[in-house]
Amino acid sequence: MAAAPLTVDAADGEHLARLVSLVDTGALRVADAVPLTDAQEAHARLATPGTRGRVILTT
């Protein structure tokens, strides 16, 4: 099953709280957090078989 895209504006506390809840309950699996400057690497990682979970871009 393919993962649906998930985008949250960090300034929106309600959506951010929901994201935290999803991570805490295991409903949202985070594979790694990558700096925005390495977005190309993060995108390539998602295309690699075996990556389980979301790759989060950080600023």
PDB file of N, CA and C in Angstrom:
ATOM      1  N   MET A   1       0.843  -1.164   0.000  1.00  0.00           N
ATOM      2  CA  MET A   1       0.000   0.000   0.000  1.00  0.00           C
ATOM      3  C   MET A   1       0.896   1.237   0.000  1.00  0.00           C
ATOM      4  N   ALA A   2       0.675   2.156  -0.920  1.00  0.00           N
ATOM      5  CA  ALA A   2       1.470   3.380  -1.005  1.00  0.00           C
ATOM      6  C   ALA A   2       1.033   4.370   0.063  1.00  0.00           C
ATOM      7  N   ALA A   3       2.001   5.082   0.593  1.00  0.00           N
ATOM      8  CA  ALA A   3       1.714   6.089   1.619  1.00  0.00           C
ATOM      9  C   ALA A   3       1.149   7.339   0.968  1.00  0.00           C
ATOM     10  N   ALA A   4       0.157   7.919   1.598  1.00  0.00           N
ATOM     11  CA  ALA A   4      -0.422   9.168   1.108  1.00  0.00           C
ATOM     12  C   ALA A   4       0.465  10.329   1.525  1.00  0.00           C
ATOM     13  N   PRO A   5       0.595  11.342   0.669  1.00  0.00           N
ATOM     14  CA  PRO A   5       1.388  12.516   1.051  1.00  0.00           C
ATOM     15  C   PRO A   5       0.796  13.187   2.287  1.00  0.00           C
ATOM     16  N   LEU A   6       1.638  13.718   3.113  1.00  0.00           N
ATOM     17  CA  LEU A   6       1.193  14.388   4.334  1.00  0.00           C
ATOM     18  C   LEU A   6       2.026  15.642   4.510  1.00  0.00           C
ATOM     19  N   THR A   7       1.363  16.783   4.485  1.00  0.00           N
ATOM     20  CA  THR A   7       2.046  18.063   4.632  1.00  0.00           C
ATOM     21  C   THR A   7       1.400  18.832   5.763  1.00  0.00           C
ATOM     22  N   VAL A   8       2.220  19.383   6.639  1.00  0.00           N
ATOM     23  CA  VAL A   8       1.712  20.163   7.766  1.00  0.00           C
ATOM     24  C   VAL A   8       2.523  21.440   7.883  1.00  0.00           C
ATOM     25  N   ASP A   9       1.831  22.552   8.039  1.00  0.00           N
ATOM     26  CA  ASP A   9       2.483  23.831   8.287  1.00  0.00           C
ATOM     27  C   ASP A   9       2.795  23.887   9.776  1.00  0.00           C
ATOM     28  N   ALA A  10       4.064  23.963  10.128  1.00  0.00           N
ATOM     29  CA  ALA A  10       4.471  23.926  11.534  1.00  0.00           C
ATOM     30  C   ALA A  10       3.839  25.042  12.353  1.00  0.00           C
ATOM     31  N   ALA A  11       3.388  26.108  11.695  1.00  0.00           N
ATOM     32  CA  ALA A  11       2.759  27.215  12.420  1.00  0.00           C
ATOM     33  C   ALA A  11       1.341  26.865  12.856  1.00  0.00           C
ATOM     34  N   ASP A  12       0.800  25.781  12.334  1.00  0.00           N
ATOM     35  CA  ASP A  12      -0.559  25.365  12.665  1.00  0.00           C
ATOM     36  C   ASP A  12      -0.499  24.346  13.798  1.00  0.00           C
ATOM     37  N   GLY A  13      -0.715  24.793  15.016  1.00  0.00           N
ATOM     38  CA  GLY A  13      -0.591  23.942  16.196  1.00  0.00           C
ATOM     39  C   GLY A  13      -1.521  22.757  16.202  1.00  0.00           C
ATOM     40  N   GLU A  14      -2.730  22.918  15.666  1.00  0.00           N
ATOM     41  CA  GLU A  14      -3.702  21.821  15.653  1.00  0.00           C
ATOM     42  C   GLU A  14      -3.203  20.659  14.801  1.00  0.00           C
ATOM     43  N   HIS A  15      -2.715  20.960  13.596  1.00  0.00           N
ATOM     44  CA  HIS A  15      -2.202  19.903  12.723  1.00  0.00           C
ATOM     45  C   HIS A  15      -0.918  19.294  13.282  1.00  0.00           C
ATOM     46  N   LEU A  16      -0.072  20.123  13.857  1.00  0.00           N
ATOM     47  CA  LEU A  16       1.168  19.621  14.439  1.00  0.00           C
ATOM     48  C   LEU A  16       0.882  18.676  15.604  1.00  0.00           C
ATOM     49  N   ALA A  17      -0.099  19.016  16.434  1.00  0.00           N
ATOM     50  CA  ALA A  17      -0.481  18.147  17.551  1.00  0.00           C
ATOM     51  C   ALA A  17      -1.013  16.812  17.038  1.00  0.00           C
ATOM     52  N   ARG A  18      -1.759  16.840  15.941  1.00  0.00           N
ATOM     53  CA  ARG A  18      -2.278  15.589  15.358  1.00  0.00           C
ATOM     54  C   ARG A  18      -1.126  14.725  14.844  1.00  0.00           C
ATOM     55  N   LEU A  19      -0.140  15.359  14.219  1.00  0.00           N
ATOM     56  CA  LEU A  19       1.033  14.622  13.750  1.00  0.00           C
ATOM     57  C   LEU A  19       1.762  13.945  14.899  1.00  0.00           C
ATOM     58  N   VAL A  20       1.970  14.676  15.976  1.00  0.00           N
ATOM     59  CA  VAL A  20       2.647  14.119  17.154  1.00  0.00           C
ATOM     60  C   VAL A  20       1.870  12.924  17.679  1.00  0.00           C
ATOM     61  N   SER A  21       0.560  13.043  17.719  1.00  0.00           N
ATOM     62  CA  SER A  21      -0.284  11.942  18.184  1.00  0.00           C
ATOM     63  C   SER A  21      -0.138  10.718  17.281  1.00  0.00           C
ATOM     64  N   LEU A  22      -0.109  10.929  15.973  1.00  0.00           N
ATOM     65  CA  LEU A  22       0.047   9.814  15.029  1.00  0.00           C
ATOM     66  C   LEU A  22       1.390   9.111  15.215  1.00  0.00           C
ATOM     67  N   VAL A  23       2.441   9.882  15.450  1.00  0.00           N
ATOM     68  CA  VAL A  23       3.766   9.290  15.687  1.00  0.00           C
ATOM     69  C   VAL A  23       3.763   8.524  17.005  1.00  0.00           C
ATOM     70  N   ASP A  24       3.197   9.134  18.053  1.00  0.00           N
ATOM     71  CA  ASP A  24       3.170   8.498  19.378  1.00  0.00           C
ATOM     72  C   ASP A  24       2.415   7.178  19.382  1.00  0.00           C
ATOM     73  N   THR A  25       1.341   7.083  18.604  1.00  0.00           N
ATOM     74  CA  THR A  25       0.538   5.859  18.577  1.00  0.00           C
ATOM     75  C   THR A  25       1.068   4.830  17.585  1.00  0.00           C
ATOM     76  N   GLY A  26       2.061   5.215  16.785  1.00  0.00           N
ATOM     77  CA  GLY A  26       2.618   4.295  15.804  1.00  0.00           C
ATOM     78  C   GLY A  26       1.862   4.281  14.492  1.00  0.00           C
ATOM     79  N   ALA A  27       0.835   5.126  14.358  1.00  0.00           N
ATOM     80  CA  ALA A  27       0.069   5.189  13.114  1.00  0.00           C
ATOM     81  C   ALA A  27       0.883   5.842  11.997  1.00  0.00           C
ATOM     82  N   LEU A  28       1.839   6.669  12.379  1.00  0.00           N
ATOM     83  CA  LEU A  28       2.730   7.324  11.428  1.00  0.00           C
ATOM     84  C   LEU A  28       4.151   6.941  11.800  1.00  0.00           C
ATOM     85  N   ARG A  29       4.799   6.231  10.905  1.00  0.00           N
ATOM     86  CA  ARG A  29       6.157   5.762  11.164  1.00  0.00           C
ATOM     87  C   ARG A  29       7.154   6.706  10.497  1.00  0.00           C
ATOM     88  N   VAL A  30       8.115   7.183  11.256  1.00  0.00           N
ATOM     89  CA  VAL A  30       9.141   8.077  10.722  1.00  0.00           C
ATOM     90  C   VAL A  30      10.419   7.273  10.520  1.00  0.00           C
ATOM     91  N   ALA A  31      10.887   7.227   9.267  1.00  0.00           N
ATOM     92  CA  ALA A  31      12.115   6.497   8.957  1.00  0.00           C
ATOM     93  C   ALA A  31      13.344   7.331   9.287  1.00  0.00           C
ATOM     94  N   ASP A  32      13.258   8.649   9.017  1.00  0.00           N
ATOM     95  CA  ASP A  32      14.418   9.509   9.243  1.00  0.00           C
ATOM     96  C   ASP A  32      13.999  10.967   9.130  1.00  0.00           C
ATOM     97  N   ALA A  33      14.778  11.840   9.732  1.00  0.00           N
ATOM     98  CA  ALA A  33      14.621  13.286   9.590  1.00  0.00           C
ATOM     99  C   ALA A  33      15.861  13.807   8.881  1.00  0.00           C
ATOM    100  N   VAL A  34      15.652  14.536   7.798  1.00  0.00           N
ATOM    101  CA  VAL A  34      16.743  14.982   6.937  1.00  0.00           C
ATOM    102  C   VAL A  34      16.657  16.502   6.782  1.00  0.00           C
ATOM    103  N   PRO A  35      17.791  17.208   6.844  1.00  0.00           N
ATOM    104  CA  PRO A  35      17.761  18.658   6.629  1.00  0.00           C
ATOM    105  C   PRO A  35      17.224  18.996   5.233  1.00  0.00           C
ATOM    106  N   LEU A  36      16.502  20.097   5.145  1.00  0.00           N
ATOM    107  CA  LEU A  36      15.930  20.532   3.875  1.00  0.00           C
ATOM    108  C   LEU A  36      16.998  20.657   2.799  1.00  0.00           C
ATOM    109  N   THR A  37      18.205  21.006   3.187  1.00  0.00           N
ATOM    110  CA  THR A  37      19.302  21.136   2.222  1.00  0.00           C
ATOM    111  C   THR A  37      19.649  19.804   1.561  1.00  0.00           C
ATOM    112  N   ASP A  38      19.239  18.690   2.170  1.00  0.00           N
ATOM    113  CA  ASP A  38      19.484  17.354   1.615  1.00  0.00           C
ATOM    114  C   ASP A  38      18.206  16.737   1.049  1.00  0.00           C
ATOM    115  N   ALA A  39      17.285  17.579   0.576  1.00  0.00           N
ATOM    116  CA  ALA A  39      15.998  17.093   0.070  1.00  0.00           C
ATOM    117  C   ALA A  39      16.168  16.110  -1.085  1.00  0.00           C
ATOM    118  N   GLN A  40      17.154  16.341  -1.940  1.00  0.00           N
ATOM    119  CA  GLN A  40      17.385  15.432  -3.065  1.00  0.00           C
ATOM    120  C   GLN A  40      17.734  14.034  -2.551  1.00  0.00           C
ATOM    121  N   GLU A  41      18.567  13.968  -1.535  1.00  0.00           N
ATOM    122  CA  GLU A  41      18.932  12.683  -0.927  1.00  0.00           C
ATOM    123  C   GLU A  41      17.702  12.014  -0.306  1.00  0.00           C
ATOM    124  N   ALA A  42      16.878  12.805   0.366  1.00  0.00           N
ATOM    125  CA  ALA A  42      15.670  12.266   0.994  1.00  0.00           C
ATOM    126  C   ALA A  42      14.724  11.701  -0.055  1.00  0.00           C
ATOM    127  N   HIS A  43      14.579  12.405  -1.171  1.00  0.00           N
ATOM    128  CA  HIS A  43      13.698  11.937  -2.245  1.00  0.00           C
ATOM    129  C   HIS A  43      14.217  10.625  -2.818  1.00  0.00           C
ATOM    130  N   ALA A  44      15.514  10.540  -3.031  1.00  0.00           N
ATOM    131  CA  ALA A  44      16.113   9.307  -3.548  1.00  0.00           C
ATOM    132  C   ALA A  44      15.909   8.160  -2.568  1.00  0.00           C
ATOM    133  N   ARG A  45      15.999   8.459  -1.299  1.00  0.00           N
ATOM    134  CA  ARG A  45      15.815   7.426  -0.274  1.00  0.00           C
ATOM    135  C   ARG A  45      14.401   6.847  -0.318  1.00  0.00           C
ATOM    136  N   LEU A  46      13.416   7.706  -0.556  1.00  0.00           N
ATOM    137  CA  LEU A  46      12.038   7.232  -0.638  1.00  0.00           C
ATOM    138  C   LEU A  46      11.831   6.299  -1.823  1.00  0.00           C
ATOM    139  N   ALA A  47      12.620   6.486  -2.879  1.00  0.00           N
ATOM    140  CA  ALA A  47      12.504   5.645  -4.064  1.00  0.00           C
ATOM    141  C   ALA A  47      13.211   4.308  -3.892  1.00  0.00           C
ATOM    142  N   THR A  48      13.981   4.167  -2.825  1.00  0.00           N
ATOM    143  CA  THR A  48      14.733   2.945  -2.568  1.00  0.00           C
ATOM    144  C   THR A  48      13.843   1.918  -1.877  1.00  0.00           C
ATOM    145  N   PRO A  49      13.783   0.707  -2.424  1.00  0.00           N
ATOM    146  CA  PRO A  49      12.995  -0.325  -1.751  1.00  0.00           C
ATOM    147  C   PRO A  49      13.510  -0.553  -0.330  1.00  0.00           C
ATOM    148  N   GLY A  50      12.619  -0.766   0.576  1.00  0.00           N
ATOM    149  CA  GLY A  50      13.003  -1.072   1.944  1.00  0.00           C
ATOM    150  C   GLY A  50      12.868   0.087   2.908  1.00  0.00           C
ATOM    151  N   THR A  51      12.662   1.307   2.402  1.00  0.00           N
ATOM    152  CA  THR A  51      12.454   2.437   3.307  1.00  0.00           C
ATOM    153  C   THR A  51      11.047   2.331   3.871  1.00  0.00           C
ATOM    154  N   ARG A  52      10.963   2.157   5.180  1.00  0.00           N
ATOM    155  CA  ARG A  52       9.663   2.022   5.839  1.00  0.00           C
ATOM    156  C   ARG A  52       9.416   3.252   6.689  1.00  0.00           C
ATOM    157  N   GLY A  53       8.368   3.952   6.383  1.00  0.00           N
ATOM    158  CA  GLY A  53       8.035   5.156   7.126  1.00  0.00           C
ATOM    159  C   GLY A  53       8.290   6.403   6.309  1.00  0.00           C
ATOM    160  N   ARG A  54       7.972   7.509   6.909  1.00  0.00           N
ATOM    161  CA  ARG A  54       8.119   8.806   6.254  1.00  0.00           C
ATOM    162  C   ARG A  54       9.531   9.340   6.460  1.00  0.00           C
ATOM    163  N   VAL A  55       9.983  10.092   5.482  1.00  0.00           N
ATOM    164  CA  VAL A  55      11.230  10.827   5.625  1.00  0.00           C
ATOM    165  C   VAL A  55      10.821  12.283   5.816  1.00  0.00           C
ATOM    166  N   ILE A  56      11.188  12.845   6.949  1.00  0.00           N
ATOM    167  CA  ILE A  56      10.787  14.188   7.328  1.00  0.00           C
ATOM    168  C   ILE A  56      11.881  15.175   6.947  1.00  0.00           C
ATOM    169  N   LEU A  57      11.495  16.275   6.287  1.00  0.00           N
ATOM    170  CA  LEU A  57      12.438  17.345   5.972  1.00  0.00           C
ATOM    171  C   LEU A  57      12.391  18.368   7.093  1.00  0.00           C
ATOM    172  N   THR A  58      13.561  18.742   7.597  1.00  0.00           N
ATOM    173  CA  THR A  58      13.636  19.701   8.696  1.00  0.00           C
ATOM    174  C   THR A  58      14.318  20.985   8.233  1.00  0.00           C
ATOM    175  N   THR A  59      13.994  22.077   8.915  1.00  0.00           N
ATOM    176  CA  THR A  59      14.629  23.357   8.577  1.00  0.00           C
ATOM    177  C   THR A  59      15.536  23.793   9.696  1.00  0.00           C
TER     178      THR A  59
END
